[in-house]
Amino acid sequence: MSVQEALPLNGAAASSPGRHRGDHLLVAGLIEPGSKVLDVGCGDGDLLQLLESRGIDGRGIELSREGVNRCVAKGLAVVQGDADTDLVNYPDDAFDYVILSQTLQATRQPKAVLENLLRIGRRAIVTFPNFGFWKMRLQLLIGGHMPRTENLPATWYDTPNIHFCTIKDFVQLCDEIGVKMERSWALDIYGRPLRLKLPWWFWNMFGEQGVFLLSRAGKYR
């Protein structure tokens, strides 16, 4: 499996006018109306709201009490929970899709979390900031300090992120645990998919975010 095998986006979700983030639009465009979805680390519920507006049955789990309160105030079905410890309580195949959006790097056991996503969901959608992005590399090389970007503004001593990875790292993890990468994208700084079909190192260098649609290997034919 390699990132260069990923399929290009077929249009509408790449960018759209309005208040929704590009990665949220891309994720929502992957899910069929009527699907049962769990959003792990759902934050303020912006993605869940988008999903529900498209006829998707969304649920959420969020670590922070403040985030849960904001979601509930929006009428969303969200409970407080920790991806590292609480996903084990969900039964197998409980959802059509399980989403982990911009949360993987904040988990203590990313491998175990990914395995649980694919146990409780028929498919998983994972998005994360790419620490191999060229601006990150340049800050380390020239500045000699831990990188900060618009999407990752916190300082090294005040960040919830503890397991940064690159697109290449994530693909290797998927290979290691036997995950099928059905589709994948690298997004630019505006949240738009890179459309050029170039070698994997280009994605790893110039993609600010990675987006992956995953399933258990051999489950789908």
N, C-alpha and C. Protein backbone atom coordinates (compact mmCIF):
# COMPACT_ATOMS: atom_id res chain seq x y z
N MET A 1 0.84 -1.19 0.00
CA MET A 1 0.00 0.00 0.00
C MET A 1 0.88 1.25 0.00
N SER A 2 0.53 2.24 -0.79
CA SER A 2 1.27 3.50 -0.79
C SER A 2 0.33 4.64 -1.05
N VAL A 3 0.72 5.83 -0.58
CA VAL A 3 -0.14 6.98 -0.74
C VAL A 3 -0.34 7.32 -2.21
N GLN A 4 0.62 7.02 -3.04
CA GLN A 4 0.49 7.38 -4.45
C GLN A 4 -0.60 6.59 -5.14
N GLU A 5 -1.15 5.52 -4.50
CA GLU A 5 -2.24 4.76 -5.07
C GLU A 5 -3.60 5.39 -4.79
N ALA A 6 -3.62 6.47 -4.02
CA ALA A 6 -4.89 7.07 -3.61
C ALA A 6 -5.66 7.62 -4.79
N LEU A 7 -6.98 7.58 -4.66
CA LEU A 7 -7.84 8.04 -5.74
C LEU A 7 -8.09 9.53 -5.63
N PRO A 8 -8.25 10.24 -6.75
CA PRO A 8 -8.53 11.66 -6.69
C PRO A 8 -9.96 11.93 -6.26
N LEU A 9 -10.19 13.07 -5.67
CA LEU A 9 -11.53 13.48 -5.28
C LEU A 9 -12.37 13.74 -6.52
N ASN A 10 -13.66 13.39 -6.41
CA ASN A 10 -14.51 13.53 -7.60
C ASN A 10 -15.28 14.83 -7.64
N GLY A 11 -14.81 15.84 -6.88
CA GLY A 11 -15.41 17.15 -7.13
C GLY A 11 -15.86 17.93 -5.94
N ALA A 12 -17.14 17.84 -5.60
CA ALA A 12 -17.81 18.85 -4.80
C ALA A 12 -17.22 19.07 -3.43
N ALA A 13 -16.69 18.04 -2.78
CA ALA A 13 -16.28 18.21 -1.39
C ALA A 13 -14.97 18.94 -1.24
N ALA A 14 -14.23 19.15 -2.31
CA ALA A 14 -12.92 19.77 -2.20
C ALA A 14 -13.01 21.16 -1.61
N SER A 15 -13.94 21.94 -2.05
CA SER A 15 -14.12 23.27 -1.50
C SER A 15 -15.55 23.69 -1.76
N SER A 16 -16.07 24.51 -0.91
CA SER A 16 -17.44 24.94 -1.05
C SER A 16 -17.61 26.23 -0.29
N PRO A 17 -18.41 27.15 -0.79
CA PRO A 17 -18.62 28.37 -0.06
C PRO A 17 -19.36 28.10 1.24
N GLY A 18 -19.17 28.95 2.21
CA GLY A 18 -19.85 28.78 3.49
C GLY A 18 -18.85 28.66 4.62
N ARG A 19 -19.38 28.27 5.75
CA ARG A 19 -18.56 28.29 6.96
C ARG A 19 -17.84 26.98 7.24
N HIS A 20 -18.11 25.93 6.48
CA HIS A 20 -17.55 24.63 6.78
C HIS A 20 -16.12 24.50 6.28
N ARG A 21 -15.29 23.82 7.09
CA ARG A 21 -13.91 23.56 6.72
C ARG A 21 -13.84 22.59 5.56
N GLY A 22 -12.76 22.70 4.77
CA GLY A 22 -12.60 21.84 3.62
C GLY A 22 -12.52 20.37 3.97
N ASP A 23 -11.81 20.04 5.07
CA ASP A 23 -11.71 18.63 5.44
C ASP A 23 -13.05 18.08 5.92
N HIS A 24 -13.86 18.92 6.57
CA HIS A 24 -15.19 18.48 7.00
C HIS A 24 -16.08 18.20 5.79
N LEU A 25 -16.02 19.06 4.78
CA LEU A 25 -16.80 18.84 3.58
C LEU A 25 -16.38 17.56 2.87
N LEU A 26 -15.09 17.30 2.85
CA LEU A 26 -14.58 16.09 2.22
C LEU A 26 -15.08 14.85 2.96
N VAL A 27 -14.97 14.88 4.29
CA VAL A 27 -15.43 13.75 5.10
C VAL A 27 -16.92 13.51 4.91
N ALA A 28 -17.71 14.58 4.98
CA ALA A 28 -19.16 14.44 4.83
C ALA A 28 -19.53 13.87 3.47
N GLY A 29 -18.76 14.22 2.44
CA GLY A 29 -19.03 13.73 1.10
C GLY A 29 -18.75 12.25 0.91
N LEU A 30 -18.06 11.63 1.86
CA LEU A 30 -17.74 10.21 1.77
C LEU A 30 -18.84 9.32 2.35
N ILE A 31 -19.79 9.92 3.07
CA ILE A 31 -20.76 9.14 3.85
C ILE A 31 -22.14 9.23 3.23
N GLU A 32 -22.78 8.09 3.05
CA GLU A 32 -24.10 8.04 2.44
C GLU A 32 -25.16 8.50 3.44
N PRO A 33 -26.18 9.22 2.96
CA PRO A 33 -27.31 9.58 3.84
C PRO A 33 -27.93 8.33 4.47
N GLY A 34 -28.33 8.48 5.73
CA GLY A 34 -28.91 7.35 6.45
C GLY A 34 -27.90 6.51 7.19
N SER A 35 -26.61 6.75 6.98
CA SER A 35 -25.58 5.98 7.66
C SER A 35 -25.54 6.34 9.15
N LYS A 36 -25.15 5.37 9.95
CA LYS A 36 -24.99 5.58 11.38
C LYS A 36 -23.51 5.85 11.65
N VAL A 37 -23.23 7.00 12.25
CA VAL A 37 -21.84 7.48 12.35
C VAL A 37 -21.51 7.86 13.79
N LEU A 38 -20.28 7.52 14.22
CA LEU A 38 -19.75 7.98 15.50
C LEU A 38 -18.56 8.88 15.22
N ASP A 39 -18.61 10.11 15.74
CA ASP A 39 -17.51 11.08 15.59
C ASP A 39 -16.74 11.10 16.91
N VAL A 40 -15.52 10.57 16.89
CA VAL A 40 -14.69 10.46 18.09
C VAL A 40 -13.82 11.70 18.21
N GLY A 41 -13.92 12.39 19.35
CA GLY A 41 -13.22 13.66 19.51
C GLY A 41 -13.90 14.74 18.69
N CYS A 42 -15.22 14.87 18.88
CA CYS A 42 -16.03 15.70 17.99
C CYS A 42 -15.94 17.20 18.28
N GLY A 43 -15.21 17.60 19.33
CA GLY A 43 -15.01 19.02 19.60
C GLY A 43 -16.31 19.75 19.84
N ASP A 44 -16.52 20.85 19.11
CA ASP A 44 -17.72 21.66 19.26
C ASP A 44 -18.91 21.14 18.45
N GLY A 45 -18.69 20.07 17.71
CA GLY A 45 -19.80 19.46 16.97
C GLY A 45 -20.04 20.01 15.59
N ASP A 46 -19.10 20.78 15.03
CA ASP A 46 -19.32 21.37 13.71
C ASP A 46 -19.48 20.29 12.63
N LEU A 47 -18.64 19.24 12.69
CA LEU A 47 -18.75 18.18 11.70
C LEU A 47 -20.05 17.40 11.88
N LEU A 48 -20.42 17.14 13.12
CA LEU A 48 -21.67 16.43 13.38
C LEU A 48 -22.87 17.20 12.84
N GLN A 49 -22.86 18.51 13.02
CA GLN A 49 -23.96 19.32 12.48
C GLN A 49 -24.03 19.21 10.97
N LEU A 50 -22.88 19.24 10.31
CA LEU A 50 -22.85 19.10 8.86
C LEU A 50 -23.39 17.74 8.44
N LEU A 51 -22.99 16.69 9.14
CA LEU A 51 -23.46 15.35 8.81
C LEU A 51 -24.98 15.24 8.96
N GLU A 52 -25.50 15.78 10.05
CA GLU A 52 -26.94 15.69 10.27
C GLU A 52 -27.72 16.49 9.24
N SER A 53 -27.14 17.59 8.76
CA SER A 53 -27.81 18.38 7.73
C SER A 53 -27.90 17.61 6.42
N ARG A 54 -27.10 16.55 6.29
CA ARG A 54 -27.09 15.73 5.07
C ARG A 54 -27.82 14.40 5.28
N GLY A 55 -28.61 14.31 6.34
CA GLY A 55 -29.41 13.12 6.55
C GLY A 55 -28.65 11.94 7.12
N ILE A 56 -27.57 12.21 7.84
CA ILE A 56 -26.74 11.17 8.44
C ILE A 56 -27.02 11.11 9.94
N ASP A 57 -27.16 9.91 10.47
CA ASP A 57 -27.46 9.70 11.89
C ASP A 57 -26.16 9.76 12.68
N GLY A 58 -25.86 10.91 13.27
CA GLY A 58 -24.58 11.13 13.92
C GLY A 58 -24.63 11.06 15.43
N ARG A 59 -23.59 10.47 16.02
CA ARG A 59 -23.36 10.45 17.46
C ARG A 59 -21.94 10.96 17.69
N GLY A 60 -21.66 11.42 18.92
CA GLY A 60 -20.33 11.93 19.18
C GLY A 60 -19.82 11.55 20.56
N ILE A 61 -18.50 11.50 20.68
CA ILE A 61 -17.83 11.32 21.96
C ILE A 61 -16.73 12.37 22.03
N GLU A 62 -16.68 13.09 23.16
CA GLU A 62 -15.75 14.21 23.30
C GLU A 62 -15.17 14.21 24.71
N LEU A 63 -13.86 14.45 24.81
CA LEU A 63 -13.18 14.40 26.10
C LEU A 63 -13.52 15.58 26.99
N SER A 64 -13.56 16.78 26.42
CA SER A 64 -13.74 17.98 27.25
C SER A 64 -15.20 18.21 27.59
N ARG A 65 -15.46 18.56 28.84
CA ARG A 65 -16.81 18.87 29.26
C ARG A 65 -17.35 20.09 28.53
N GLU A 66 -16.47 21.08 28.27
CA GLU A 66 -16.91 22.27 27.56
C GLU A 66 -17.39 21.93 26.16
N GLY A 67 -16.65 21.04 25.47
CA GLY A 67 -17.06 20.64 24.14
C GLY A 67 -18.38 19.90 24.15
N VAL A 68 -18.56 19.02 25.12
CA VAL A 68 -19.82 18.28 25.25
C VAL A 68 -20.98 19.24 25.46
N ASN A 69 -20.78 20.21 26.34
CA ASN A 69 -21.85 21.18 26.62
C ASN A 69 -22.24 21.97 25.38
N ARG A 70 -21.23 22.37 24.58
CA ARG A 70 -21.54 23.12 23.37
C ARG A 70 -22.28 22.25 22.35
N CYS A 71 -21.90 20.98 22.28
CA CYS A 71 -22.59 20.07 21.36
C CYS A 71 -24.04 19.86 21.78
N VAL A 72 -24.25 19.62 23.07
CA VAL A 72 -25.60 19.39 23.57
C VAL A 72 -26.47 20.61 23.35
N ALA A 73 -25.87 21.82 23.53
CA ALA A 73 -26.61 23.05 23.29
C ALA A 73 -27.06 23.18 21.84
N LYS A 74 -26.36 22.50 20.94
CA LYS A 74 -26.73 22.51 19.52
C LYS A 74 -27.72 21.40 19.19
N GLY A 75 -28.11 20.62 20.20
CA GLY A 75 -29.05 19.53 19.97
C GLY A 75 -28.41 18.26 19.46
N LEU A 76 -27.10 18.10 19.65
CA LEU A 76 -26.38 16.93 19.16
C LEU A 76 -26.29 15.85 20.22
N ALA A 77 -26.27 14.59 19.79
CA ALA A 77 -26.19 13.45 20.70
C ALA A 77 -24.71 13.15 20.98
N VAL A 78 -24.17 13.77 22.01
CA VAL A 78 -22.75 13.65 22.34
C VAL A 78 -22.60 13.32 23.81
N VAL A 79 -21.68 12.41 24.11
CA VAL A 79 -21.37 12.04 25.49
C VAL A 79 -19.90 12.33 25.76
N GLN A 80 -19.58 12.49 27.03
CA GLN A 80 -18.19 12.71 27.41
C GLN A 80 -17.47 11.37 27.48
N GLY A 81 -16.29 11.31 26.90
CA GLY A 81 -15.53 10.08 26.91
C GLY A 81 -14.14 10.26 26.34
N ASP A 82 -13.29 9.27 26.59
CA ASP A 82 -11.89 9.29 26.19
C ASP A 82 -11.66 8.20 25.15
N ALA A 83 -11.14 8.58 23.99
CA ALA A 83 -10.91 7.60 22.91
C ALA A 83 -9.97 6.48 23.35
N ASP A 84 -9.03 6.80 24.23
CA ASP A 84 -8.05 5.80 24.66
C ASP A 84 -8.66 4.73 25.56
N THR A 85 -9.69 5.08 26.31
CA THR A 85 -10.22 4.14 27.30
C THR A 85 -11.66 3.71 27.06
N ASP A 86 -12.46 4.51 26.37
CA ASP A 86 -13.90 4.24 26.29
C ASP A 86 -14.35 3.56 25.02
N LEU A 87 -13.54 3.56 23.96
CA LEU A 87 -13.96 2.90 22.73
C LEU A 87 -14.10 1.39 22.92
N VAL A 88 -13.38 0.82 23.87
CA VAL A 88 -13.46 -0.62 24.10
C VAL A 88 -14.85 -1.04 24.57
N ASN A 89 -15.64 -0.09 25.06
CA ASN A 89 -16.99 -0.40 25.56
C ASN A 89 -18.04 -0.48 24.45
N TYR A 90 -17.67 -0.08 23.23
CA TYR A 90 -18.62 -0.13 22.12
C TYR A 90 -18.58 -1.52 21.48
N PRO A 91 -19.73 -2.08 21.10
CA PRO A 91 -19.75 -3.41 20.48
C PRO A 91 -19.21 -3.38 19.05
N ASP A 92 -18.87 -4.53 18.56
CA ASP A 92 -18.38 -4.67 17.18
C ASP A 92 -19.46 -4.24 16.19
N ASP A 93 -19.03 -3.59 15.12
CA ASP A 93 -19.91 -3.20 14.00
C ASP A 93 -21.13 -2.40 14.47
N ALA A 94 -20.93 -1.53 15.45
CA ALA A 94 -22.04 -0.73 15.97
C ALA A 94 -22.39 0.43 15.05
N PHE A 95 -21.45 0.83 14.17
CA PHE A 95 -21.66 1.98 13.30
C PHE A 95 -21.23 1.64 11.87
N ASP A 96 -21.81 2.37 10.93
CA ASP A 96 -21.37 2.25 9.54
C ASP A 96 -20.01 2.91 9.34
N TYR A 97 -19.83 4.07 9.96
CA TYR A 97 -18.57 4.82 9.89
C TYR A 97 -18.21 5.32 11.28
N VAL A 98 -16.92 5.28 11.58
CA VAL A 98 -16.39 5.94 12.78
C VAL A 98 -15.36 6.96 12.30
N ILE A 99 -15.50 8.19 12.76
CA ILE A 99 -14.63 9.29 12.32
C ILE A 99 -13.69 9.69 13.45
N LEU A 100 -12.43 9.86 13.12
CA LEU A 100 -11.44 10.42 14.05
C LEU A 100 -10.80 11.60 13.33
N SER A 101 -11.32 12.80 13.58
CA SER A 101 -10.92 13.99 12.82
C SER A 101 -10.00 14.87 13.65
N GLN A 102 -8.74 14.98 13.21
CA GLN A 102 -7.75 15.86 13.87
C GLN A 102 -7.59 15.50 15.35
N THR A 103 -7.68 14.22 15.67
CA THR A 103 -7.61 13.76 17.06
C THR A 103 -6.55 12.69 17.28
N LEU A 104 -6.16 11.98 16.23
CA LEU A 104 -5.22 10.87 16.37
C LEU A 104 -3.96 11.27 17.12
N GLN A 105 -3.43 12.46 16.81
CA GLN A 105 -2.17 12.89 17.41
C GLN A 105 -2.30 13.22 18.89
N ALA A 106 -3.54 13.35 19.39
CA ALA A 106 -3.76 13.67 20.81
C ALA A 106 -4.04 12.42 21.65
N THR A 107 -4.08 11.25 21.01
CA THR A 107 -4.34 10.03 21.76
C THR A 107 -3.05 9.46 22.33
N ARG A 108 -3.20 8.71 23.43
CA ARG A 108 -2.03 8.12 24.05
C ARG A 108 -1.60 6.83 23.35
N GLN A 109 -2.56 6.11 22.78
CA GLN A 109 -2.26 4.84 22.12
C GLN A 109 -2.90 4.84 20.72
N PRO A 110 -2.30 5.54 19.77
CA PRO A 110 -2.90 5.67 18.44
C PRO A 110 -3.18 4.33 17.76
N LYS A 111 -2.29 3.38 17.90
CA LYS A 111 -2.49 2.08 17.25
C LYS A 111 -3.74 1.39 17.79
N ALA A 112 -3.89 1.36 19.12
CA ALA A 112 -5.05 0.72 19.73
C ALA A 112 -6.34 1.46 19.37
N VAL A 113 -6.26 2.78 19.31
CA VAL A 113 -7.44 3.57 18.94
C VAL A 113 -7.87 3.24 17.51
N LEU A 114 -6.91 3.17 16.59
CA LEU A 114 -7.22 2.85 15.20
C LEU A 114 -7.84 1.47 15.09
N GLU A 115 -7.32 0.51 15.83
CA GLU A 115 -7.88 -0.84 15.80
C GLU A 115 -9.32 -0.84 16.32
N ASN A 116 -9.60 -0.06 17.35
CA ASN A 116 -10.95 0.02 17.87
C ASN A 116 -11.91 0.69 16.89
N LEU A 117 -11.43 1.72 16.17
CA LEU A 117 -12.27 2.37 15.16
C LEU A 117 -12.78 1.34 14.16
N LEU A 118 -11.90 0.46 13.73
CA LEU A 118 -12.24 -0.52 12.70
C LEU A 118 -12.91 -1.76 13.27
N ARG A 119 -12.98 -1.86 14.57
CA ARG A 119 -13.75 -2.92 15.19
C ARG A 119 -15.21 -2.51 15.35
N ILE A 120 -15.43 -1.26 15.77
CA ILE A 120 -16.80 -0.82 16.04
C ILE A 120 -17.46 -0.19 14.82
N GLY A 121 -16.69 0.10 13.78
CA GLY A 121 -17.24 0.67 12.55
C GLY A 121 -16.93 -0.20 11.34
N ARG A 122 -17.85 -0.25 10.39
CA ARG A 122 -17.60 -0.97 9.14
C ARG A 122 -16.49 -0.30 8.35
N ARG A 123 -16.45 1.02 8.46
CA ARG A 123 -15.37 1.79 7.87
C ARG A 123 -14.95 2.89 8.85
N ALA A 124 -13.74 3.37 8.70
CA ALA A 124 -13.24 4.47 9.52
C ALA A 124 -12.71 5.57 8.62
N ILE A 125 -12.91 6.81 9.05
CA ILE A 125 -12.34 7.97 8.35
C ILE A 125 -11.43 8.68 9.35
N VAL A 126 -10.17 8.80 9.00
CA VAL A 126 -9.17 9.40 9.89
C VAL A 126 -8.53 10.59 9.18
N THR A 127 -8.50 11.72 9.87
CA THR A 127 -7.79 12.91 9.38
C THR A 127 -6.81 13.36 10.44
N PHE A 128 -5.68 13.90 10.01
CA PHE A 128 -4.67 14.33 10.96
C PHE A 128 -3.72 15.33 10.30
N PRO A 129 -3.08 16.18 11.10
CA PRO A 129 -2.06 17.09 10.55
C PRO A 129 -0.80 16.31 10.20
N ASN A 130 -0.23 16.62 9.05
CA ASN A 130 0.96 15.93 8.56
C ASN A 130 2.21 16.63 9.08
N PHE A 131 2.94 15.96 9.98
CA PHE A 131 4.13 16.57 10.55
C PHE A 131 5.30 16.55 9.57
N GLY A 132 5.11 15.91 8.42
CA GLY A 132 6.14 15.95 7.38
C GLY A 132 5.98 17.10 6.41
N PHE A 133 4.96 17.95 6.63
CA PHE A 133 4.69 19.11 5.78
C PHE A 133 5.93 20.00 5.71
N TRP A 134 6.18 20.58 4.54
CA TRP A 134 7.45 21.29 4.34
C TRP A 134 7.64 22.45 5.30
N LYS A 135 6.57 23.13 5.68
CA LYS A 135 6.73 24.24 6.62
C LYS A 135 7.18 23.75 7.99
N MET A 136 6.70 22.58 8.39
CA MET A 136 7.15 21.98 9.64
C MET A 136 8.65 21.68 9.58
N ARG A 137 9.05 21.05 8.48
CA ARG A 137 10.45 20.69 8.32
C ARG A 137 11.35 21.92 8.32
N LEU A 138 10.87 22.98 7.67
CA LEU A 138 11.68 24.19 7.56
C LEU A 138 11.86 24.85 8.93
N GLN A 139 10.81 24.87 9.75
CA GLN A 139 10.93 25.46 11.07
C GLN A 139 11.93 24.69 11.93
N LEU A 140 11.90 23.37 11.81
CA LEU A 140 12.88 22.57 12.56
C LEU A 140 14.29 22.78 12.04
N LEU A 141 14.44 22.83 10.71
CA LEU A 141 15.76 22.94 10.10
C LEU A 141 16.37 24.31 10.31
N ILE A 142 15.60 25.36 10.03
CA ILE A 142 16.14 26.72 10.09
C ILE A 142 16.00 27.33 11.47
N GLY A 143 14.81 27.18 12.05
CA GLY A 143 14.57 27.81 13.35
C GLY A 143 15.08 27.02 14.53
N GLY A 144 15.18 25.68 14.35
CA GLY A 144 15.66 24.84 15.44
C GLY A 144 14.69 24.70 16.58
N HIS A 145 13.38 24.90 16.32
CA HIS A 145 12.37 24.80 17.39
C HIS A 145 11.19 23.97 16.89
N MET A 146 10.37 23.52 17.83
CA MET A 146 9.19 22.74 17.46
C MET A 146 8.25 23.60 16.61
N PRO A 147 7.77 23.06 15.50
CA PRO A 147 6.98 23.86 14.56
C PRO A 147 5.63 24.29 15.12
N ARG A 148 5.17 25.44 14.62
CA ARG A 148 3.82 25.93 14.91
C ARG A 148 3.23 26.43 13.58
N THR A 149 1.99 26.06 13.34
CA THR A 149 1.30 26.50 12.13
C THR A 149 -0.08 27.01 12.51
N GLU A 150 -0.81 27.47 11.51
CA GLU A 150 -2.17 27.96 11.77
C GLU A 150 -3.06 26.86 12.32
N ASN A 151 -2.89 25.65 11.82
CA ASN A 151 -3.67 24.51 12.31
C ASN A 151 -3.13 23.93 13.60
N LEU A 152 -1.86 24.18 13.91
CA LEU A 152 -1.23 23.69 15.13
C LEU A 152 -0.55 24.87 15.83
N PRO A 153 -1.35 25.76 16.44
CA PRO A 153 -0.79 27.00 16.97
C PRO A 153 -0.16 26.90 18.36
N ALA A 154 -0.41 25.81 19.08
CA ALA A 154 0.05 25.72 20.47
C ALA A 154 1.56 25.53 20.54
N THR A 155 2.15 26.02 21.62
CA THR A 155 3.57 25.79 21.87
C THR A 155 3.79 24.36 22.32
N TRP A 156 5.02 23.89 22.27
CA TRP A 156 5.34 22.50 22.60
C TRP A 156 4.95 22.15 24.03
N TYR A 157 4.99 23.13 24.94
CA TYR A 157 4.71 22.85 26.35
C TYR A 157 3.23 23.03 26.70
N ASP A 158 2.43 23.44 25.74
CA ASP A 158 1.03 23.72 26.03
C ASP A 158 0.12 23.13 24.96
N THR A 159 0.50 21.96 24.45
CA THR A 159 -0.28 21.36 23.38
C THR A 159 -0.87 20.03 23.83
N PRO A 160 -2.09 19.71 23.40
CA PRO A 160 -2.65 18.39 23.70
C PRO A 160 -2.10 17.30 22.80
N ASN A 161 -1.34 17.69 21.78
CA ASN A 161 -0.84 16.72 20.80
C ASN A 161 0.43 16.05 21.32
N ILE A 162 0.41 14.72 21.37
CA ILE A 162 1.55 14.00 21.95
C ILE A 162 2.15 12.97 20.99
N HIS A 163 1.46 12.66 19.90
CA HIS A 163 1.96 11.67 18.95
C HIS A 163 1.82 12.19 17.53
N PHE A 164 2.67 13.14 17.17
CA PHE A 164 2.67 13.62 15.80
C PHE A 164 3.14 12.52 14.86
N CYS A 165 2.59 12.52 13.64
CA CYS A 165 3.05 11.57 12.64
C CYS A 165 2.99 12.23 11.28
N THR A 166 3.63 11.59 10.32
CA THR A 166 3.58 12.04 8.93
C THR A 166 2.62 11.14 8.17
N ILE A 167 2.29 11.54 6.95
CA ILE A 167 1.46 10.69 6.09
C ILE A 167 2.15 9.34 5.88
N LYS A 168 3.45 9.36 5.68
CA LYS A 168 4.20 8.12 5.50
C LYS A 168 4.10 7.24 6.73
N ASP A 169 4.23 7.82 7.91
CA ASP A 169 4.11 7.05 9.16
C ASP A 169 2.75 6.37 9.26
N PHE A 170 1.68 7.10 8.91
CA PHE A 170 0.34 6.57 9.05
C PHE A 170 0.11 5.41 8.08
N VAL A 171 0.59 5.56 6.85
CA VAL A 171 0.45 4.48 5.88
C VAL A 171 1.18 3.23 6.36
N GLN A 172 2.36 3.40 6.95
CA GLN A 172 3.10 2.26 7.48
C GLN A 172 2.35 1.59 8.63
N LEU A 173 1.68 2.39 9.47
CA LEU A 173 0.88 1.82 10.56
C LEU A 173 -0.28 1.00 10.00
N CYS A 174 -0.94 1.52 8.98
CA CYS A 174 -2.03 0.78 8.34
C CYS A 174 -1.54 -0.56 7.80
N ASP A 175 -0.37 -0.57 7.18
CA ASP A 175 0.22 -1.81 6.69
C ASP A 175 0.48 -2.79 7.84
N GLU A 176 0.98 -2.25 8.93
CA GLU A 176 1.38 -3.09 10.07
C GLU A 176 0.19 -3.82 10.69
N ILE A 177 -0.96 -3.15 10.79
CA ILE A 177 -2.10 -3.77 11.45
C ILE A 177 -3.13 -4.33 10.47
N GLY A 178 -2.78 -4.36 9.20
CA GLY A 178 -3.63 -5.00 8.21
C GLY A 178 -4.88 -4.21 7.86
N VAL A 179 -4.74 -2.90 7.70
CA VAL A 179 -5.87 -2.04 7.36
C VAL A 179 -5.88 -1.79 5.86
N LYS A 180 -7.07 -1.84 5.27
CA LYS A 180 -7.22 -1.54 3.85
C LYS A 180 -7.46 -0.05 3.68
N MET A 181 -6.62 0.61 2.88
CA MET A 181 -6.79 2.03 2.58
C MET A 181 -7.63 2.13 1.32
N GLU A 182 -8.93 2.41 1.48
CA GLU A 182 -9.82 2.46 0.33
C GLU A 182 -9.61 3.72 -0.50
N ARG A 183 -9.49 4.85 0.17
CA ARG A 183 -9.23 6.12 -0.53
C ARG A 183 -8.41 7.00 0.41
N SER A 184 -7.65 7.91 -0.16
CA SER A 184 -6.87 8.83 0.66
C SER A 184 -6.57 10.10 -0.10
N TRP A 185 -6.36 11.16 0.67
CA TRP A 185 -6.04 12.47 0.10
C TRP A 185 -5.00 13.16 0.98
N ALA A 186 -4.20 13.99 0.36
CA ALA A 186 -3.39 14.98 1.08
C ALA A 186 -4.01 16.34 0.78
N LEU A 187 -4.22 17.16 1.83
CA LEU A 187 -4.85 18.46 1.65
C LEU A 187 -3.82 19.56 1.76
N ASP A 188 -4.02 20.64 1.01
CA ASP A 188 -3.12 21.78 1.08
C ASP A 188 -3.52 22.67 2.26
N ILE A 189 -2.89 23.82 2.39
CA ILE A 189 -3.11 24.69 3.54
C ILE A 189 -4.52 25.29 3.55
N TYR A 190 -5.22 25.20 2.42
CA TYR A 190 -6.59 25.71 2.34
C TYR A 190 -7.62 24.59 2.51
N GLY A 191 -7.17 23.38 2.83
CA GLY A 191 -8.07 22.27 2.99
C GLY A 191 -8.54 21.66 1.68
N ARG A 192 -7.80 21.91 0.59
CA ARG A 192 -8.17 21.38 -0.72
C ARG A 192 -7.26 20.21 -1.08
N PRO A 193 -7.82 19.13 -1.64
CA PRO A 193 -6.99 17.98 -2.01
C PRO A 193 -5.95 18.33 -3.07
N LEU A 194 -4.74 17.82 -2.89
CA LEU A 194 -3.73 17.92 -3.92
C LEU A 194 -4.15 17.00 -5.06
N ARG A 195 -4.25 17.54 -6.25
CA ARG A 195 -4.80 16.78 -7.37
C ARG A 195 -3.73 16.12 -8.24
N LEU A 196 -2.49 16.53 -8.07
CA LEU A 196 -1.44 15.99 -8.92
C LEU A 196 -1.10 14.56 -8.53
N LYS A 197 -0.98 13.68 -9.51
CA LYS A 197 -0.60 12.30 -9.27
C LYS A 197 0.92 12.21 -9.33
N LEU A 198 1.54 12.40 -8.18
CA LEU A 198 2.98 12.40 -8.08
C LEU A 198 3.41 11.37 -7.04
N PRO A 199 4.71 11.04 -6.94
CA PRO A 199 5.16 10.02 -5.99
C PRO A 199 4.78 10.35 -4.55
N TRP A 200 4.80 9.32 -3.70
CA TRP A 200 4.34 9.47 -2.32
C TRP A 200 5.08 10.56 -1.56
N TRP A 201 6.36 10.76 -1.87
CA TRP A 201 7.12 11.76 -1.12
C TRP A 201 6.57 13.16 -1.34
N PHE A 202 5.93 13.39 -2.48
CA PHE A 202 5.34 14.70 -2.75
C PHE A 202 4.16 14.93 -1.81
N TRP A 203 3.32 13.92 -1.64
CA TRP A 203 2.21 14.02 -0.69
C TRP A 203 2.74 14.28 0.72
N ASN A 204 3.76 13.55 1.10
CA ASN A 204 4.30 13.66 2.45
C ASN A 204 4.98 15.00 2.68
N MET A 205 5.48 15.63 1.64
CA MET A 205 6.17 16.92 1.74
C MET A 205 5.21 18.09 1.65
N PHE A 206 4.21 18.02 0.78
CA PHE A 206 3.39 19.19 0.48
C PHE A 206 1.94 19.09 0.96
N GLY A 207 1.56 17.98 1.56
CA GLY A 207 0.23 17.87 2.15
C GLY A 207 0.24 18.33 3.60
N GLU A 208 -0.58 19.31 3.94
CA GLU A 208 -0.63 19.76 5.34
C GLU A 208 -1.45 18.81 6.20
N GLN A 209 -2.44 18.15 5.59
CA GLN A 209 -3.26 17.19 6.31
C GLN A 209 -3.39 15.92 5.48
N GLY A 210 -3.63 14.81 6.18
CA GLY A 210 -3.96 13.56 5.52
C GLY A 210 -5.39 13.17 5.84
N VAL A 211 -6.10 12.62 4.87
CA VAL A 211 -7.47 12.13 5.05
C VAL A 211 -7.53 10.72 4.49
N PHE A 212 -7.99 9.76 5.29
CA PHE A 212 -7.98 8.36 4.89
C PHE A 212 -9.33 7.71 5.17
N LEU A 213 -9.84 7.00 4.16
CA LEU A 213 -11.03 6.15 4.31
C LEU A 213 -10.52 4.72 4.40
N LEU A 214 -10.81 4.06 5.53
CA LEU A 214 -10.21 2.78 5.84
C LEU A 214 -11.27 1.71 6.09
N SER A 215 -10.90 0.46 5.88
CA SER A 215 -11.73 -0.68 6.27
C SER A 215 -10.81 -1.82 6.64
N ARG A 216 -11.37 -2.85 7.25
CA ARG A 216 -10.58 -4.02 7.59
C ARG A 216 -10.22 -4.77 6.31
N ALA A 217 -8.98 -5.12 6.17
CA ALA A 217 -8.51 -5.78 4.96
C ALA A 217 -9.27 -7.07 4.72
N GLY A 218 -9.77 -7.24 3.48
CA GLY A 218 -10.45 -8.46 3.11
C GLY A 218 -11.92 -8.48 3.44
N LYS A 219 -12.42 -7.42 4.12
CA LYS A 219 -13.84 -7.46 4.50
C LYS A 219 -14.74 -7.13 3.33
N TYR A 220 -14.31 -6.22 2.44
CA TYR A 220 -15.14 -5.79 1.34
C TYR A 220 -14.62 -6.38 0.03
N ARG A 221 -15.51 -6.76 -0.86
CA ARG A 221 -15.11 -7.36 -2.12
C ARG A 221 -15.70 -6.58 -3.29
